[in-house]
Amino acid sequence: MRQRRLTWMIGGIGLIVCGVMGMLQYSLFGIAQTTGFVLDVVFAAAVLLFAVGLSREASVVARRPLGVIALAVVALWPLMTRAVQPFLPTMDAATFEAGMAAYREAENVLTAVFFANLLVSLAASLLASVQIARAGVVPRPWNWAPLWALIASAAAGVIPQILFSAAGSAGTQVYAEIAVLLGTVGFLSRTLGLGILALVLATRVRTGSVDIYRSS
């Protein structure tokens, strides 16, 4: 069980680092882009460690192929989207000056990429969360924590859209502040929150035993 404890501690620390970096990256003037890349790398490393583990027993999905693949997509997808971003069209003045046809084509491409990104991210995260819950490695009820974090993150993205639609042009500034707050909560739930939980569960792993202290 020492390998399980070590896996969860390292992975948990990685997620906590992601949460802290995510909160600080826009306050670090001039290096937000570099910080974002480092954040994606640390996140990928932490999630991949949880997926594979230092041993089969340390993997949160018991190294089941479907769970490992789903977590690998969750881990690497942000880096993949960052890699293709420079090749995407931009909605700037140059595109507009090229004519409405070019502008609409760029808009259509960006819209398609947005929905593809959303679909892949949600599908992989949902599948990974279910596989973690079913693997039986993480003690109950905390095996459902990734799904709770996913729901919180999804709600943080949907609720502001509903508020903006209902508000129209009135109170836009207030709803914008609420959207930022909800976005922060959604981000921290799947990084800082899960990271802290992983550290707590790591401390409750019995060294030299096959059991984990169950939550009361």
C-alpha atoms as a PDB file:
ATOM      1  CA  MET A   1       0.000   0.000   0.000  1.00  0.00           C
ATOM      2  CA  ARG A   2       3.035   2.266   0.192  1.00  0.00           C
ATOM      3  CA  GLN A   3       2.902   2.731  -3.584  1.00  0.00           C
ATOM      4  CA  ARG A   4      -0.760   3.698  -3.396  1.00  0.00           C
ATOM      5  CA  ARG A   5      -0.043   6.254  -0.718  1.00  0.00           C
ATOM      6  CA  LEU A   6       2.864   7.698  -2.702  1.00  0.00           C
ATOM      7  CA  THR A   7       0.836   7.792  -5.924  1.00  0.00           C
ATOM      8  CA  TRP A   8      -2.041   9.634  -4.327  1.00  0.00           C
ATOM      9  CA  MET A   9       0.222  12.046  -2.473  1.00  0.00           C
ATOM     10  CA  ILE A  10       2.216  13.006  -5.581  1.00  0.00           C
ATOM     11  CA  GLY A  11      -0.917  13.223  -7.737  1.00  0.00           C
ATOM     12  CA  GLY A  12      -2.735  15.238  -5.076  1.00  0.00           C
ATOM     13  CA  ILE A  13       0.130  17.693  -4.749  1.00  0.00           C
ATOM     14  CA  GLY A  14       0.137  18.054  -8.537  1.00  0.00           C
ATOM     15  CA  LEU A  15      -3.563  18.937  -8.596  1.00  0.00           C
ATOM     16  CA  ILE A  16      -3.121  21.408  -5.748  1.00  0.00           C
ATOM     17  CA  VAL A  17      -0.272  23.074  -7.646  1.00  0.00           C
ATOM     18  CA  CYS A  18      -2.586  23.317 -10.667  1.00  0.00           C
ATOM     19  CA  GLY A  19      -5.256  25.017  -8.567  1.00  0.00           C
ATOM     20  CA  VAL A  20      -2.799  27.550  -7.145  1.00  0.00           C
ATOM     21  CA  MET A  21      -1.215  28.242 -10.541  1.00  0.00           C
ATOM     22  CA  GLY A  22      -4.634  28.658 -12.115  1.00  0.00           C
ATOM     23  CA  MET A  23      -5.509  31.320  -9.557  1.00  0.00           C
ATOM     24  CA  LEU A  24      -2.217  33.149  -9.996  1.00  0.00           C
ATOM     25  CA  GLN A  25      -1.531  32.904 -13.722  1.00  0.00           C
ATOM     26  CA  TYR A  26      -3.430  36.050 -14.732  1.00  0.00           C
ATOM     27  CA  SER A  27      -1.879  38.081 -11.932  1.00  0.00           C
ATOM     28  CA  LEU A  28       1.626  37.237 -13.163  1.00  0.00           C
ATOM     29  CA  PHE A  29       1.990  39.987 -15.729  1.00  0.00           C
ATOM     30  CA  GLY A  30       3.550  38.978 -19.032  1.00  0.00           C
ATOM     31  CA  ILE A  31       3.919  35.250 -18.364  1.00  0.00           C
ATOM     32  CA  ALA A  32       0.283  34.083 -18.258  1.00  0.00           C
ATOM     33  CA  GLN A  33       0.732  32.034 -21.440  1.00  0.00           C
ATOM     34  CA  THR A  34       3.841  30.271 -20.130  1.00  0.00           C
ATOM     35  CA  THR A  35       2.168  29.653 -16.785  1.00  0.00           C
ATOM     36  CA  GLY A  36      -0.847  28.185 -18.562  1.00  0.00           C
ATOM     37  CA  PHE A  37       1.363  25.743 -20.458  1.00  0.00           C
ATOM     38  CA  VAL A  38       3.142  24.664 -17.270  1.00  0.00           C
ATOM     39  CA  LEU A  39      -0.252  24.243 -15.591  1.00  0.00           C
ATOM     40  CA  ASP A  40      -1.409  21.935 -18.399  1.00  0.00           C
ATOM     41  CA  VAL A  41       1.786  19.876 -18.133  1.00  0.00           C
ATOM     42  CA  VAL A  42       1.488  19.491 -14.351  1.00  0.00           C
ATOM     43  CA  PHE A  43      -2.197  18.598 -14.679  1.00  0.00           C
ATOM     44  CA  ALA A  44      -1.442  15.988 -17.336  1.00  0.00           C
ATOM     45  CA  ALA A  45       1.318  14.436 -15.224  1.00  0.00           C
ATOM     46  CA  ALA A  46      -0.876  14.272 -12.116  1.00  0.00           C
ATOM     47  CA  VAL A  47      -3.876  12.730 -13.892  1.00  0.00           C
ATOM     48  CA  LEU A  48      -1.700  10.211 -15.751  1.00  0.00           C
ATOM     49  CA  LEU A  49      -0.130   9.206 -12.449  1.00  0.00           C
ATOM     50  CA  PHE A  50      -3.573   8.619 -10.959  1.00  0.00           C
ATOM     51  CA  ALA A  51      -4.502   6.581 -14.039  1.00  0.00           C
ATOM     52  CA  VAL A  52      -1.465   4.297 -14.134  1.00  0.00           C
ATOM     53  CA  GLY A  53      -0.270   4.469 -10.549  1.00  0.00           C
ATOM     54  CA  LEU A  54       3.082   3.290  -9.251  1.00  0.00           C
ATOM     55  CA  SER A  55       1.432  -0.136  -9.119  1.00  0.00           C
ATOM     56  CA  ARG A  56      -1.823  -1.672 -10.294  1.00  0.00           C
ATOM     57  CA  GLU A  57      -3.274  -1.311  -6.800  1.00  0.00           C
ATOM     58  CA  ALA A  58      -2.332   2.370  -6.742  1.00  0.00           C
ATOM     59  CA  SER A  59      -4.218   3.202  -9.951  1.00  0.00           C
ATOM     60  CA  VAL A  60      -7.584   4.807  -9.199  1.00  0.00           C
ATOM     61  CA  VAL A  61      -9.072   2.747 -12.055  1.00  0.00           C
ATOM     62  CA  ALA A  62      -7.090  -0.423 -11.222  1.00  0.00           C
ATOM     63  CA  ARG A  63      -5.411   0.002 -14.628  1.00  0.00           C
ATOM     64  CA  ARG A  64      -8.557  -1.086 -16.430  1.00  0.00           C
ATOM     65  CA  PRO A  65      -8.048  -0.151 -20.090  1.00  0.00           C
ATOM     66  CA  LEU A  66     -11.213   1.915 -20.465  1.00  0.00           C
ATOM     67  CA  GLY A  67     -10.485   3.911 -17.330  1.00  0.00           C
ATOM     68  CA  VAL A  68      -6.844   4.477 -18.240  1.00  0.00           C
ATOM     69  CA  ILE A  69      -7.779   5.653 -21.744  1.00  0.00           C
ATOM     70  CA  ALA A  70     -10.461   8.014 -20.416  1.00  0.00           C
ATOM     71  CA  LEU A  71      -8.072   9.527 -17.871  1.00  0.00           C
ATOM     72  CA  ALA A  72      -5.355   9.813 -20.515  1.00  0.00           C
ATOM     73  CA  VAL A  73      -7.719  11.854 -22.693  1.00  0.00           C
ATOM     74  CA  VAL A  74      -8.634  14.039 -19.695  1.00  0.00           C
ATOM     75  CA  ALA A  75      -4.931  14.544 -18.980  1.00  0.00           C
ATOM     76  CA  LEU A  76      -3.669  15.231 -22.481  1.00  0.00           C
ATOM     77  CA  TRP A  77      -6.616  17.010 -24.098  1.00  0.00           C
ATOM     78  CA  PRO A  78      -5.717  20.494 -22.751  1.00  0.00           C
ATOM     79  CA  LEU A  79      -2.214  20.131 -24.200  1.00  0.00           C
ATOM     80  CA  MET A  80      -3.630  18.946 -27.534  1.00  0.00           C
ATOM     81  CA  THR A  81      -6.006  21.898 -27.784  1.00  0.00           C
ATOM     82  CA  ARG A  82      -3.162  24.262 -26.893  1.00  0.00           C
ATOM     83  CA  ALA A  83      -1.010  22.697 -29.631  1.00  0.00           C
ATOM     84  CA  VAL A  84      -3.608  23.236 -32.378  1.00  0.00           C
ATOM     85  CA  GLN A  85      -4.647  26.708 -31.232  1.00  0.00           C
ATOM     86  CA  PRO A  86      -2.010  28.558 -33.320  1.00  0.00           C
ATOM     87  CA  PHE A  87      -3.403  26.919 -36.483  1.00  0.00           C
ATOM     88  CA  LEU A  88      -6.967  28.093 -35.884  1.00  0.00           C
ATOM     89  CA  PRO A  89      -8.383  31.203 -37.589  1.00  0.00           C
ATOM     90  CA  THR A  90      -8.731  34.369 -35.551  1.00  0.00           C
ATOM     91  CA  MET A  91     -11.683  36.743 -35.345  1.00  0.00           C
ATOM     92  CA  ASP A  92      -9.686  39.935 -35.766  1.00  0.00           C
ATOM     93  CA  ALA A  93      -9.733  43.006 -37.974  1.00  0.00           C
ATOM     94  CA  ALA A  94      -7.654  41.308 -40.667  1.00  0.00           C
ATOM     95  CA  THR A  95     -10.215  38.509 -40.978  1.00  0.00           C
ATOM     96  CA  PHE A  96     -13.057  41.024 -41.179  1.00  0.00           C
ATOM     97  CA  GLU A  97     -11.236  43.029 -43.834  1.00  0.00           C
ATOM     98  CA  ALA A  98     -10.824  39.852 -45.903  1.00  0.00           C
ATOM     99  CA  GLY A  99     -14.580  39.862 -46.451  1.00  0.00           C
ATOM    100  CA  MET A 100     -17.710  38.488 -44.843  1.00  0.00           C
ATOM    101  CA  ALA A 101     -17.182  35.068 -46.417  1.00  0.00           C
ATOM    102  CA  ALA A 102     -13.785  34.698 -44.721  1.00  0.00           C
ATOM    103  CA  TYR A 103     -15.187  36.059 -41.468  1.00  0.00           C
ATOM    104  CA  ARG A 104     -18.101  33.594 -41.448  1.00  0.00           C
ATOM    105  CA  GLU A 105     -15.815  30.722 -42.378  1.00  0.00           C
ATOM    106  CA  ALA A 106     -13.533  31.530 -39.458  1.00  0.00           C
ATOM    107  CA  GLU A 107     -16.562  31.807 -37.182  1.00  0.00           C
ATOM    108  CA  ASN A 108     -17.863  28.412 -38.315  1.00  0.00           C
ATOM    109  CA  VAL A 109     -14.480  26.753 -37.754  1.00  0.00           C
ATOM    110  CA  LEU A 110     -14.124  28.216 -34.261  1.00  0.00           C
ATOM    111  CA  THR A 111     -17.678  27.217 -33.368  1.00  0.00           C
ATOM    112  CA  ALA A 112     -17.081  23.637 -34.538  1.00  0.00           C
ATOM    113  CA  VAL A 113     -13.810  23.450 -32.592  1.00  0.00           C
ATOM    114  CA  PHE A 114     -15.519  24.825 -29.479  1.00  0.00           C
ATOM    115  CA  PHE A 115     -18.276  22.209 -29.513  1.00  0.00           C
ATOM    116  CA  ALA A 116     -15.841  19.391 -30.363  1.00  0.00           C
ATOM    117  CA  ASN A 117     -13.638  20.446 -27.455  1.00  0.00           C
ATOM    118  CA  LEU A 118     -16.640  20.603 -25.134  1.00  0.00           C
ATOM    119  CA  LEU A 119     -17.950  17.204 -26.227  1.00  0.00           C
ATOM    120  CA  VAL A 120     -14.617  15.385 -25.912  1.00  0.00           C
ATOM    121  CA  SER A 121     -13.823  16.987 -22.546  1.00  0.00           C
ATOM    122  CA  LEU A 122     -17.204  16.190 -21.024  1.00  0.00           C
ATOM    123  CA  ALA A 123     -17.382  12.666 -22.446  1.00  0.00           C
ATOM    124  CA  ALA A 124     -13.876  11.751 -21.281  1.00  0.00           C
ATOM    125  CA  SER A 125     -14.394  13.301 -17.853  1.00  0.00           C
ATOM    126  CA  LEU A 126     -17.737  11.556 -17.369  1.00  0.00           C
ATOM    127  CA  LEU A 127     -16.355   8.194 -18.461  1.00  0.00           C
ATOM    128  CA  ALA A 128     -13.290   8.589 -16.238  1.00  0.00           C
ATOM    129  CA  SER A 129     -15.437   9.554 -13.247  1.00  0.00           C
ATOM    130  CA  VAL A 130     -17.669   6.505 -13.670  1.00  0.00           C
ATOM    131  CA  GLN A 131     -14.666   4.209 -14.089  1.00  0.00           C
ATOM    132  CA  ILE A 132     -13.096   5.563 -10.889  1.00  0.00           C
ATOM    133  CA  ALA A 133     -16.348   5.016  -9.026  1.00  0.00           C
ATOM    134  CA  ARG A 134     -16.715   1.457 -10.332  1.00  0.00           C
ATOM    135  CA  ALA A 135     -13.099   0.385  -9.859  1.00  0.00           C
ATOM    136  CA  GLY A 136     -13.492   0.140  -6.098  1.00  0.00           C
ATOM    137  CA  VAL A 137      -9.987   1.450  -5.385  1.00  0.00           C
ATOM    138  CA  VAL A 138     -10.980   4.801  -3.883  1.00  0.00           C
ATOM    139  CA  PRO A 139     -13.041   4.283  -0.694  1.00  0.00           C
ATOM    140  CA  ARG A 140     -16.710   5.201  -0.630  1.00  0.00           C
ATOM    141  CA  PRO A 141     -18.235   7.732  -0.857  1.00  0.00           C
ATOM    142  CA  TRP A 142     -15.144   9.532  -2.115  1.00  0.00           C
ATOM    143  CA  ASN A 143     -15.000   7.341  -5.234  1.00  0.00           C
ATOM    144  CA  TRP A 144     -17.782   9.613  -6.552  1.00  0.00           C
ATOM    145  CA  ALA A 145     -15.840  12.825  -5.833  1.00  0.00           C
ATOM    146  CA  PRO A 146     -14.558  13.206  -9.448  1.00  0.00           C
ATOM    147  CA  LEU A 147     -18.156  13.064 -10.658  1.00  0.00           C
ATOM    148  CA  TRP A 148     -19.175  15.680  -8.087  1.00  0.00           C
ATOM    149  CA  ALA A 149     -16.345  17.901  -9.307  1.00  0.00           C
ATOM    150  CA  LEU A 150     -17.434  17.386 -12.916  1.00  0.00           C
ATOM    151  CA  ILE A 151     -21.014  18.366 -12.070  1.00  0.00           C
ATOM    152  CA  ALA A 152     -19.782  21.473 -10.248  1.00  0.00           C
ATOM    153  CA  SER A 153     -17.567  22.415 -13.184  1.00  0.00           C
ATOM    154  CA  ALA A 154     -20.378  21.881 -15.709  1.00  0.00           C
ATOM    155  CA  ALA A 155     -22.818  23.872 -13.587  1.00  0.00           C
ATOM    156  CA  ALA A 156     -20.271  26.691 -13.365  1.00  0.00           C
ATOM    157  CA  GLY A 157     -20.309  26.887 -17.163  1.00  0.00           C
ATOM    158  CA  VAL A 158     -24.063  26.532 -17.694  1.00  0.00           C
ATOM    159  CA  ILE A 159     -25.493  28.746 -14.942  1.00  0.00           C
ATOM    160  CA  PRO A 160     -23.828  31.986 -16.168  1.00  0.00           C
ATOM    161  CA  GLN A 161     -25.233  31.396 -19.656  1.00  0.00           C
ATOM    162  CA  ILE A 162     -28.728  31.066 -18.191  1.00  0.00           C
ATOM    163  CA  LEU A 163     -28.248  34.212 -16.130  1.00  0.00           C
ATOM    164  CA  PHE A 164     -27.001  36.245 -19.108  1.00  0.00           C
ATOM    165  CA  SER A 165     -29.928  35.050 -21.243  1.00  0.00           C
ATOM    166  CA  ALA A 166     -32.442  35.987 -18.565  1.00  0.00           C
ATOM    167  CA  ALA A 167     -30.834  39.341 -17.757  1.00  0.00           C
ATOM    168  CA  GLY A 168     -30.479  40.671 -21.297  1.00  0.00           C
ATOM    169  CA  SER A 169     -28.632  43.995 -21.200  1.00  0.00           C
ATOM    170  CA  ALA A 170     -29.592  44.752 -17.614  1.00  0.00           C
ATOM    171  CA  GLY A 171     -27.186  43.926 -14.808  1.00  0.00           C
ATOM    172  CA  THR A 172     -24.534  42.584 -17.145  1.00  0.00           C
ATOM    173  CA  GLN A 173     -21.662  43.633 -14.880  1.00  0.00           C
ATOM    174  CA  VAL A 174     -23.136  41.866 -11.862  1.00  0.00           C
ATOM    175  CA  TYR A 175     -23.723  38.649 -13.794  1.00  0.00           C
ATOM    176  CA  ALA A 176     -20.217  38.864 -15.246  1.00  0.00           C
ATOM    177  CA  GLU A 177     -18.787  38.918 -11.729  1.00  0.00           C
ATOM    178  CA  ILE A 178     -20.977  35.936 -10.786  1.00  0.00           C
ATOM    179  CA  ALA A 179     -19.769  34.083 -13.886  1.00  0.00           C
ATOM    180  CA  VAL A 180     -16.125  34.668 -12.912  1.00  0.00           C
ATOM    181  CA  LEU A 181     -16.819  33.464  -9.360  1.00  0.00           C
ATOM    182  CA  LEU A 182     -18.606  30.328 -10.563  1.00  0.00           C
ATOM    183  CA  GLY A 183     -15.853  29.629 -13.074  1.00  0.00           C
ATOM    184  CA  THR A 184     -13.287  29.844 -10.289  1.00  0.00           C
ATOM    185  CA  VAL A 185     -15.300  27.468  -8.100  1.00  0.00           C
ATOM    186  CA  GLY A 186     -15.648  24.995 -10.979  1.00  0.00           C
ATOM    187  CA  PHE A 187     -11.925  25.095 -11.725  1.00  0.00           C
ATOM    188  CA  LEU A 188     -10.880  24.716  -8.086  1.00  0.00           C
ATOM    189  CA  SER A 189     -13.287  21.834  -7.486  1.00  0.00           C
ATOM    190  CA  ARG A 190     -11.498  19.648 -10.047  1.00  0.00           C
ATOM    191  CA  THR A 191      -7.969  20.741  -9.110  1.00  0.00           C
ATOM    192  CA  LEU A 192      -7.503  22.047  -5.589  1.00  0.00           C
ATOM    193  CA  GLY A 193     -10.515  20.185  -4.200  1.00  0.00           C
ATOM    194  CA  LEU A 194      -9.638  16.780  -5.640  1.00  0.00           C
ATOM    195  CA  GLY A 195      -5.972  17.342  -4.803  1.00  0.00           C
ATOM    196  CA  ILE A 196      -6.710  17.958  -1.124  1.00  0.00           C
ATOM    197  CA  LEU A 197      -9.011  14.935  -1.054  1.00  0.00           C
ATOM    198  CA  ALA A 198      -6.272  12.763  -2.578  1.00  0.00           C
ATOM    199  CA  LEU A 199      -3.824  13.862   0.128  1.00  0.00           C
ATOM    200  CA  VAL A 200      -6.349  13.132   2.882  1.00  0.00           C
ATOM    201  CA  LEU A 201      -7.087   9.672   1.474  1.00  0.00           C
ATOM    202  CA  ALA A 202      -3.361   9.002   1.065  1.00  0.00           C
ATOM    203  CA  THR A 203      -2.804   9.594   4.773  1.00  0.00           C
ATOM    204  CA  ARG A 204      -5.546   7.050   5.547  1.00  0.00           C
ATOM    205  CA  VAL A 205      -3.997   4.241   3.548  1.00  0.00           C
ATOM    206  CA  ARG A 206      -2.756   1.487   5.844  1.00  0.00           C
ATOM    207  CA  THR A 207       0.897   0.749   5.099  1.00  0.00           C
ATOM    208  CA  GLY A 208       1.480  -2.951   4.610  1.00  0.00           C
ATOM    209  CA  SER A 209      -2.226  -3.755   4.376  1.00  0.00           C
ATOM    210  CA  VAL A 210      -4.656  -4.218   1.533  1.00  0.00           C
ATOM    211  CA  ASP A 211      -7.381  -2.151   3.205  1.00  0.00           C
ATOM    212  CA  ILE A 212      -8.180   1.512   3.362  1.00  0.00           C
ATOM    213  CA  TYR A 213      -9.858   3.204   6.276  1.00  0.00           C
ATOM    214  CA  ARG A 214     -13.432   3.686   5.236  1.00  0.00           C
ATOM    215  CA  SER A 215     -15.156   6.993   5.834  1.00  0.00           C
ATOM    216  CA  SER A 216     -17.725   6.900   8.575  1.00  0.00           C
END
